[in-house]
Structure formats: C-alpha cells, structure tokens
Amino acid sequence: MSQDNMIKLECTECKTVNYNSHKNKKILKERLEMNKFCNTCRKHTLHKETK
C-alpha cells in the first residue's frame, strides 16, 4: 500500500492520534469516522480522520 493512502485517526475527546489506517481516496471522498478504543481515555470514542 502506498503512503498517500495512509490516514491518521484522532480521538475527538482527548485529541491524540491513536491509529493509522488506509483508505481508497478515489471511492471515499469524505473523511472517515469510526468508533475505536482510546488508550488515554480508556473507553470507546469516536475517531476522525486527520491530515
């Protein structure tokens, strides 16, 4: 997978970058949002894609 397909997922509550993922930018134009576990908050929170 190329580096330009890589994205970072940031917690919406504590603003820490916890996850790296990839997506097909030709198909998905909007920013990715998913519920993931945050280690600093110690609970499942909404994570949004950052630049």
C-alpha atoms as a PDB file:
ATOM      1  CA  MET A   1       0.000   0.000   0.000  1.00  0.00           C
ATOM      2  CA  SER A   2       1.355   3.406  -0.900  1.00  0.00           C
ATOM      3  CA  GLN A   3       1.950   6.181   1.612  1.00  0.00           C
ATOM      4  CA  ASP A   4      -0.566   8.560   0.026  1.00  0.00           C
ATOM      5  CA  ASN A   5      -3.389   6.170   1.005  1.00  0.00           C
ATOM      6  CA  MET A   6      -2.406   6.229   4.678  1.00  0.00           C
ATOM      7  CA  ILE A   7      -4.553   8.211   7.128  1.00  0.00           C
ATOM      8  CA  LYS A   8      -4.372   9.014  10.845  1.00  0.00           C
ATOM      9  CA  LEU A   9      -7.308   8.581  13.200  1.00  0.00           C
ATOM     10  CA  GLU A  10      -7.581  11.080  16.053  1.00  0.00           C
ATOM     11  CA  CYS A  11      -9.728  10.815  19.171  1.00  0.00           C
ATOM     12  CA  THR A  12     -12.402  13.518  19.329  1.00  0.00           C
ATOM     13  CA  GLU A  13     -12.262  13.814  23.133  1.00  0.00           C
ATOM     14  CA  CYS A  14      -8.564  13.920  24.017  1.00  0.00           C
ATOM     15  CA  LYS A  15      -7.175  14.786  20.526  1.00  0.00           C
ATOM     16  CA  THR A  16      -4.479  12.104  20.486  1.00  0.00           C
ATOM     17  CA  VAL A  17      -3.580  10.221  17.312  1.00  0.00           C
ATOM     18  CA  ASN A  18      -4.080   6.559  18.153  1.00  0.00           C
ATOM     19  CA  TYR A  19      -4.495   4.663  14.901  1.00  0.00           C
ATOM     20  CA  ASN A  20      -3.087   4.572  11.382  1.00  0.00           C
ATOM     21  CA  SER A  21      -5.150   3.124   8.591  1.00  0.00           C
ATOM     22  CA  HIS A  22      -5.591   3.330   4.841  1.00  0.00           C
ATOM     23  CA  LYS A  23      -8.459   4.048   2.514  1.00  0.00           C
ATOM     24  CA  ASN A  24      -9.164   4.323  -1.181  1.00  0.00           C
ATOM     25  CA  LYS A  25      -9.390   8.065  -1.765  1.00  0.00           C
ATOM     26  CA  LYS A  26     -10.940   7.633  -5.201  1.00  0.00           C
ATOM     27  CA  ILE A  27     -14.009   5.914  -3.737  1.00  0.00           C
ATOM     28  CA  LEU A  28     -14.309   7.586  -0.312  1.00  0.00           C
ATOM     29  CA  LYS A  29     -14.231  11.361  -0.726  1.00  0.00           C
ATOM     30  CA  GLU A  30     -15.421  12.348   2.762  1.00  0.00           C
ATOM     31  CA  ARG A  31     -13.416  11.942   5.954  1.00  0.00           C
ATOM     32  CA  LEU A  32     -13.547   8.646   7.755  1.00  0.00           C
ATOM     33  CA  GLU A  33     -15.187   8.355  11.207  1.00  0.00           C
ATOM     34  CA  MET A  34     -15.304   5.243  13.352  1.00  0.00           C
ATOM     35  CA  ASN A  35     -15.645   4.186  16.965  1.00  0.00           C
ATOM     36  CA  LYS A  36     -12.344   2.892  18.329  1.00  0.00           C
ATOM     37  CA  PHE A  37     -10.804   2.299  21.735  1.00  0.00           C
ATOM     38  CA  CYS A  38      -8.687   5.171  23.055  1.00  0.00           C
ATOM     39  CA  ASN A  39      -5.909   4.228  25.492  1.00  0.00           C
ATOM     40  CA  THR A  40      -5.699   7.661  27.092  1.00  0.00           C
ATOM     41  CA  CYS A  41      -9.470   7.970  27.655  1.00  0.00           C
ATOM     42  CA  ARG A  42      -9.756   4.253  28.476  1.00  0.00           C
ATOM     43  CA  LYS A  43     -13.059   3.905  26.598  1.00  0.00           C
ATOM     44  CA  HIS A  44     -14.534   3.648  23.124  1.00  0.00           C
ATOM     45  CA  THR A  45     -14.767   7.050  21.477  1.00  0.00           C
ATOM     46  CA  LEU A  46     -15.357   8.497  18.048  1.00  0.00           C
ATOM     47  CA  HIS A  47     -12.157   8.784  15.994  1.00  0.00           C
ATOM     48  CA  LYS A  48     -11.968  11.052  12.964  1.00  0.00           C
ATOM     49  CA  GLU A  49      -9.533  11.183  10.102  1.00  0.00           C
ATOM     50  CA  THR A  50      -6.873  13.897  10.234  1.00  0.00           C
ATOM     51  CA  LYS A  51      -4.480  15.200   7.592  1.00  0.00           C
END
